[in-house]
Amino acid sequence: MKVNGTFVELEKGQTLYDFIILQKFDLATIAVERNGEIVPKATYKEVLLENEDSLEIVRFVGGG
């Protein structure tokens, strides 16, 4: 699977939620795009990832 332009090994049957937790992302400060579509946070536990997927995970940062 490709994440932010880098190939990563995907565990079989892994959900998007599981992947995010294992990679230590903060759920409150990220947005996820899967194969060109924004994934609603409410569905993270239902989305099964596949090796062909491409994810873009962006973090919100404050500043001015």
PDB file of N, CA and C in Angstrom:
ATOM      1  N   MET A   1       0.847  -1.161   0.000  1.00  0.00           N
ATOM      2  CA  MET A   1       0.000   0.000   0.000  1.00  0.00           C
ATOM      3  C   MET A   1       0.901   1.235   0.000  1.00  0.00           C
ATOM      4  N   LYS A   2       0.424   2.279  -0.607  1.00  0.00           N
ATOM      5  CA  LYS A   2       1.178   3.520  -0.675  1.00  0.00           C
ATOM      6  C   LYS A   2       0.574   4.537   0.294  1.00  0.00           C
ATOM      7  N   VAL A   3       1.418   5.097   1.170  1.00  0.00           N
ATOM      8  CA  VAL A   3       0.968   6.081   2.146  1.00  0.00           C
ATOM      9  C   VAL A   3       1.849   7.320   2.020  1.00  0.00           C
ATOM     10  N   ASN A   4       1.222   8.431   1.662  1.00  0.00           N
ATOM     11  CA  ASN A   4       1.954   9.690   1.486  1.00  0.00           C
ATOM     12  C   ASN A   4       3.166   9.507   0.581  1.00  0.00           C
ATOM     13  N   GLY A   5       2.994   8.711  -0.472  1.00  0.00           N
ATOM     14  CA  GLY A   5       4.053   8.516  -1.461  1.00  0.00           C
ATOM     15  C   GLY A   5       5.060   7.433  -1.142  1.00  0.00           C
ATOM     16  N   THR A   6       4.935   6.766  -0.003  1.00  0.00           N
ATOM     17  CA  THR A   6       5.871   5.723   0.411  1.00  0.00           C
ATOM     18  C   THR A   6       5.142   4.392   0.509  1.00  0.00           C
ATOM     19  N   PHE A   7       5.782   3.330   0.015  1.00  0.00           N
ATOM     20  CA  PHE A   7       5.176   2.010   0.111  1.00  0.00           C
ATOM     21  C   PHE A   7       5.359   1.446   1.514  1.00  0.00           C
ATOM     22  N   VAL A   8       4.267   0.902   2.061  1.00  0.00           N
ATOM     23  CA  VAL A   8       4.301   0.291   3.392  1.00  0.00           C
ATOM     24  C   VAL A   8       3.675  -1.098   3.327  1.00  0.00           C
ATOM     25  N   GLU A   9       4.115  -1.961   4.229  1.00  0.00           N
ATOM     26  CA  GLU A   9       3.577  -3.314   4.328  1.00  0.00           C
ATOM     27  C   GLU A   9       2.238  -3.267   5.052  1.00  0.00           C
ATOM     28  N   LEU A  10       1.272  -3.937   4.492  1.00  0.00           N
ATOM     29  CA  LEU A  10      -0.074  -3.936   5.060  1.00  0.00           C
ATOM     30  C   LEU A  10      -0.384  -5.303   5.642  1.00  0.00           C
ATOM     31  N   GLU A  11      -0.888  -5.308   6.890  1.00  0.00           N
ATOM     32  CA  GLU A  11      -1.312  -6.557   7.506  1.00  0.00           C
ATOM     33  C   GLU A  11      -2.650  -6.972   6.918  1.00  0.00           C
ATOM     34  N   LYS A  12      -2.842  -8.251   6.723  1.00  0.00           N
ATOM     35  CA  LYS A  12      -4.072  -8.766   6.134  1.00  0.00           C
ATOM     36  C   LYS A  12      -5.274  -8.423   7.009  1.00  0.00           C
ATOM     37  N   GLY A  13      -6.338  -7.959   6.381  1.00  0.00           N
ATOM     38  CA  GLY A  13      -7.576  -7.669   7.093  1.00  0.00           C
ATOM     39  C   GLY A  13      -7.532  -6.433   7.974  1.00  0.00           C
ATOM     40  N   GLN A  14      -6.605  -5.534   7.705  1.00  0.00           N
ATOM     41  CA  GLN A  14      -6.441  -4.358   8.547  1.00  0.00           C
ATOM     42  C   GLN A  14      -7.412  -3.245   8.143  1.00  0.00           C
ATOM     43  N   THR A  15      -8.040  -2.650   9.148  1.00  0.00           N
ATOM     44  CA  THR A  15      -8.928  -1.524   8.869  1.00  0.00           C
ATOM     45  C   THR A  15      -8.118  -0.233   8.866  1.00  0.00           C
ATOM     46  N   LEU A  16      -8.714   0.796   8.320  1.00  0.00           N
ATOM     47  CA  LEU A  16      -8.056   2.106   8.316  1.00  0.00           C
ATOM     48  C   LEU A  16      -7.796   2.562   9.744  1.00  0.00           C
ATOM     49  N   TYR A  17      -8.760   2.349  10.621  1.00  0.00           N
ATOM     50  CA  TYR A  17      -8.602   2.722  12.028  1.00  0.00           C
ATOM     51  C   TYR A  17      -7.398   2.008  12.654  1.00  0.00           C
ATOM     52  N   ASP A  18      -7.288   0.696  12.437  1.00  0.00           N
ATOM     53  CA  ASP A  18      -6.170  -0.074  12.982  1.00  0.00           C
ATOM     54  C   ASP A  18      -4.838   0.469  12.477  1.00  0.00           C
ATOM     55  N   PHE A  19      -4.780   0.758  11.180  1.00  0.00           N
ATOM     56  CA  PHE A  19      -3.548   1.275  10.580  1.00  0.00           C
ATOM     57  C   PHE A  19      -3.153   2.611  11.207  1.00  0.00           C
ATOM     58  N   ILE A  20      -4.111   3.504  11.349  1.00  0.00           N
ATOM     59  CA  ILE A  20      -3.835   4.823  11.921  1.00  0.00           C
ATOM     60  C   ILE A  20      -3.315   4.698  13.347  1.00  0.00           C
ATOM     61  N   ILE A  21      -3.934   3.843  14.147  1.00  0.00           N
ATOM     62  CA  ILE A  21      -3.506   3.645  15.536  1.00  0.00           C
ATOM     63  C   ILE A  21      -2.097   3.038  15.580  1.00  0.00           C
ATOM     64  N   LEU A  22      -1.843   2.021  14.758  1.00  0.00           N
ATOM     65  CA  LEU A  22      -0.517   1.387  14.742  1.00  0.00           C
ATOM     66  C   LEU A  22       0.583   2.356  14.318  1.00  0.00           C
ATOM     67  N   GLN A  23       0.240   3.289  13.434  1.00  0.00           N
ATOM     68  CA  GLN A  23       1.226   4.269  12.964  1.00  0.00           C
ATOM     69  C   GLN A  23       1.326   5.482  13.889  1.00  0.00           C
ATOM     70  N   LYS A  24       0.541   5.461  14.979  1.00  0.00           N
ATOM     71  CA  LYS A  24       0.563   6.488  16.019  1.00  0.00           C
ATOM     72  C   LYS A  24       0.150   7.876  15.520  1.00  0.00           C
ATOM     73  N   PHE A  25      -0.800   7.900  14.587  1.00  0.00           N
ATOM     74  CA  PHE A  25      -1.387   9.174  14.170  1.00  0.00           C
ATOM     75  C   PHE A  25      -2.411   9.599  15.207  1.00  0.00           C
ATOM     76  N   ASP A  26      -2.566  10.907  15.386  1.00  0.00           N
ATOM     77  CA  ASP A  26      -3.569  11.454  16.297  1.00  0.00           C
ATOM     78  C   ASP A  26      -4.868  11.636  15.518  1.00  0.00           C
ATOM     79  N   LEU A  27      -5.882  10.848  15.845  1.00  0.00           N
ATOM     80  CA  LEU A  27      -7.153  10.885  15.129  1.00  0.00           C
ATOM     81  C   LEU A  27      -7.785  12.267  15.113  1.00  0.00           C
ATOM     82  N   ALA A  28      -7.542  13.056  16.138  1.00  0.00           N
ATOM     83  CA  ALA A  28      -8.172  14.370  16.242  1.00  0.00           C
ATOM     84  C   ALA A  28      -7.564  15.392  15.284  1.00  0.00           C
ATOM     85  N   THR A  29      -6.364  15.120  14.787  1.00  0.00           N
ATOM     86  CA  THR A  29      -5.670  16.147  13.995  1.00  0.00           C
ATOM     87  C   THR A  29      -5.339  15.716  12.572  1.00  0.00           C
ATOM     88  N   ILE A  30      -6.013  14.674  12.069  1.00  0.00           N
ATOM     89  CA  ILE A  30      -5.704  14.215  10.714  1.00  0.00           C
ATOM     90  C   ILE A  30      -6.958  14.134   9.849  1.00  0.00           C
ATOM     91  N   ALA A  31      -6.707  14.100   8.555  1.00  0.00           N
ATOM     92  CA  ALA A  31      -7.732  13.791   7.557  1.00  0.00           C
ATOM     93  C   ALA A  31      -7.111  12.758   6.628  1.00  0.00           C
ATOM     94  N   VAL A  32      -7.926  11.832   6.123  1.00  0.00           N
ATOM     95  CA  VAL A  32      -7.422  10.754   5.285  1.00  0.00           C
ATOM     96  C   VAL A  32      -8.132  10.747   3.935  1.00  0.00           C
ATOM     97  N   GLU A  33      -7.325  10.655   2.889  1.00  0.00           N
ATOM     98  CA  GLU A  33      -7.837  10.479   1.538  1.00  0.00           C
ATOM     99  C   GLU A  33      -7.418   9.091   1.078  1.00  0.00           C
ATOM    100  N   ARG A  34      -8.381   8.307   0.614  1.00  0.00           N
ATOM    101  CA  ARG A  34      -8.099   6.947   0.137  1.00  0.00           C
ATOM    102  C   ARG A  34      -8.503   6.866  -1.321  1.00  0.00           C
ATOM    103  N   ASN A  35      -7.529   6.570  -2.163  1.00  0.00           N
ATOM    104  CA  ASN A  35      -7.769   6.440  -3.604  1.00  0.00           C
ATOM    105  C   ASN A  35      -8.509   7.656  -4.164  1.00  0.00           C
ATOM    106  N   GLY A  36      -8.110   8.835  -3.701  1.00  0.00           N
ATOM    107  CA  GLY A  36      -8.655  10.071  -4.236  1.00  0.00           C
ATOM    108  C   GLY A  36      -9.921  10.570  -3.593  1.00  0.00           C
ATOM    109  N   GLU A  37     -10.424   9.879  -2.575  1.00  0.00           N
ATOM    110  CA  GLU A  37     -11.661  10.294  -1.913  1.00  0.00           C
ATOM    111  C   GLU A  37     -11.435  10.453  -0.409  1.00  0.00           C
ATOM    112  N   ILE A  38     -11.976  11.548   0.145  1.00  0.00           N
ATOM    113  CA  ILE A  38     -11.880  11.782   1.582  1.00  0.00           C
ATOM    114  C   ILE A  38     -12.690  10.714   2.317  1.00  0.00           C
ATOM    115  N   VAL A  39     -12.103  10.156   3.373  1.00  0.00           N
ATOM    116  CA  VAL A  39     -12.780   9.125   4.167  1.00  0.00           C
ATOM    117  C   VAL A  39     -13.358   9.782   5.427  1.00  0.00           C
ATOM    118  N   PRO A  40     -14.663   9.700   5.635  1.00  0.00           N
ATOM    119  CA  PRO A  40     -15.248  10.248   6.865  1.00  0.00           C
ATOM    120  C   PRO A  40     -14.734   9.498   8.096  1.00  0.00           C
ATOM    121  N   LYS A  41     -14.399  10.241   9.141  1.00  0.00           N
ATOM    122  CA  LYS A  41     -13.862   9.607  10.356  1.00  0.00           C
ATOM    123  C   LYS A  41     -14.800   8.558  10.926  1.00  0.00           C
ATOM    124  N   ALA A  42     -16.081   8.743  10.771  1.00  0.00           N
ATOM    125  CA  ALA A  42     -17.059   7.794  11.307  1.00  0.00           C
ATOM    126  C   ALA A  42     -16.940   6.416  10.665  1.00  0.00           C
ATOM    127  N   THR A  43     -16.277   6.312   9.512  1.00  0.00           N
ATOM    128  CA  THR A  43     -16.172   5.030   8.816  1.00  0.00           C
ATOM    129  C   THR A  43     -14.789   4.381   8.927  1.00  0.00           C
ATOM    130  N   TYR A  44     -13.862   4.991   9.644  1.00  0.00           N
ATOM    131  CA  TYR A  44     -12.487   4.458   9.739  1.00  0.00           C
ATOM    132  C   TYR A  44     -12.451   2.991  10.172  1.00  0.00           C
ATOM    133  N   LYS A  45     -13.334   2.600  11.100  1.00  0.00           N
ATOM    134  CA  LYS A  45     -13.326   1.216  11.608  1.00  0.00           C
ATOM    135  C   LYS A  45     -13.964   0.242  10.624  1.00  0.00           C
ATOM    136  N   GLU A  46     -14.671   0.739   9.619  1.00  0.00           N
ATOM    137  CA  GLU A  46     -15.340  -0.107   8.632  1.00  0.00           C
ATOM    138  C   GLU A  46     -14.555  -0.267   7.338  1.00  0.00           C
ATOM    139  N   VAL A  47     -13.605   0.626   7.095  1.00  0.00           N
ATOM    140  CA  VAL A  47     -12.859   0.621   5.836  1.00  0.00           C
ATOM    141  C   VAL A  47     -11.732  -0.405   5.905  1.00  0.00           C
ATOM    142  N   LEU A  48     -11.848  -1.462   5.102  1.00  0.00           N
ATOM    143  CA  LEU A  48     -10.784  -2.464   5.017  1.00  0.00           C
ATOM    144  C   LEU A  48      -9.774  -2.025   3.965  1.00  0.00           C
ATOM    145  N   LEU A  49      -8.512  -1.971   4.366  1.00  0.00           N
ATOM    146  CA  LEU A  49      -7.462  -1.542   3.449  1.00  0.00           C
ATOM    147  C   LEU A  49      -7.013  -2.698   2.571  1.00  0.00           C
ATOM    148  N   GLU A  50      -6.545  -2.353   1.371  1.00  0.00           N
ATOM    149  CA  GLU A  50      -6.030  -3.336   0.419  1.00  0.00           C
ATOM    150  C   GLU A  50      -4.660  -2.887  -0.054  1.00  0.00           C
ATOM    151  N   ASN A  51      -3.848  -3.846  -0.506  1.00  0.00           N
ATOM    152  CA  ASN A  51      -2.493  -3.528  -0.956  1.00  0.00           C
ATOM    153  C   ASN A  51      -2.473  -2.534  -2.111  1.00  0.00           C
ATOM    154  N   GLU A  52      -3.548  -2.456  -2.888  1.00  0.00           N
ATOM    155  CA  GLU A  52      -3.601  -1.566  -4.036  1.00  0.00           C
ATOM    156  C   GLU A  52      -3.987  -0.142  -3.652  1.00  0.00           C
ATOM    157  N   ASP A  53      -4.348   0.075  -2.395  1.00  0.00           N
ATOM    158  CA  ASP A  53      -4.800   1.394  -1.949  1.00  0.00           C
ATOM    159  C   ASP A  53      -3.662   2.408  -1.918  1.00  0.00           C
ATOM    160  N   SER A  54      -4.069   3.652  -2.075  1.00  0.00           N
ATOM    161  CA  SER A  54      -3.166   4.781  -1.917  1.00  0.00           C
ATOM    162  C   SER A  54      -3.794   5.733  -0.914  1.00  0.00           C
ATOM    163  N   LEU A  55      -3.072   5.986   0.182  1.00  0.00           N
ATOM    164  CA  LEU A  55      -3.578   6.876   1.224  1.00  0.00           C
ATOM    165  C   LEU A  55      -2.753   8.154   1.264  1.00  0.00           C
ATOM    166  N   GLU A  56      -3.432   9.244   1.503  1.00  0.00           N
ATOM    167  CA  GLU A  56      -2.791  10.512   1.828  1.00  0.00           C
ATOM    168  C   GLU A  56      -3.325  10.888   3.197  1.00  0.00           C
ATOM    169  N   ILE A  57      -2.430  11.013   4.157  1.00  0.00           N
ATOM    170  CA  ILE A  57      -2.822  11.371   5.517  1.00  0.00           C
ATOM    171  C   ILE A  57      -2.212  12.738   5.815  1.00  0.00           C
ATOM    172  N   VAL A  58      -3.060  13.711   6.097  1.00  0.00           N
ATOM    173  CA  VAL A  58      -2.583  15.055   6.375  1.00  0.00           C
ATOM    174  C   VAL A  58      -2.920  15.437   7.794  1.00  0.00           C
ATOM    175  N   ARG A  59      -2.009  16.205   8.382  1.00  0.00           N
ATOM    176  CA  ARG A  59      -2.181  16.679   9.759  1.00  0.00           C
ATOM    177  C   ARG A  59      -2.532  18.146   9.741  1.00  0.00           C
ATOM    178  N   PHE A  60      -3.439  18.515  10.611  1.00  0.00           N
ATOM    179  CA  PHE A  60      -3.789  19.924  10.774  1.00  0.00           C
ATOM    180  C   PHE A  60      -2.822  20.550  11.774  1.00  0.00           C
ATOM    181  N   VAL A  61      -2.286  21.683  11.416  1.00  0.00           N
ATOM    182  CA  VAL A  61      -1.378  22.391  12.324  1.00  0.00           C
ATOM    183  C   VAL A  61      -1.854  23.838  12.448  1.00  0.00           C
ATOM    184  N   GLY A  62      -1.697  24.364  13.633  1.00  0.00           N
ATOM    185  CA  GLY A  62      -2.073  25.751  13.858  1.00  0.00           C
ATOM    186  C   GLY A  62      -0.909  26.666  13.544  1.00  0.00           C
ATOM    187  N   GLY A  63      -1.210  27.888  13.421  1.00  0.00           N
ATOM    188  CA  GLY A  63      -0.147  28.861  13.151  1.00  0.00           C
ATOM    189  C   GLY A  63      -0.752  30.138  12.626  1.00  0.00           C
ATOM    190  N   GLY A  64       0.123  31.044  12.298  1.00  0.00           N
ATOM    191  CA  GLY A  64      -0.422  32.301  11.813  1.00  0.00           C
ATOM    192  C   GLY A  64       0.568  33.097  11.052  1.00  0.00           C
TER     193      GLY A  64
END
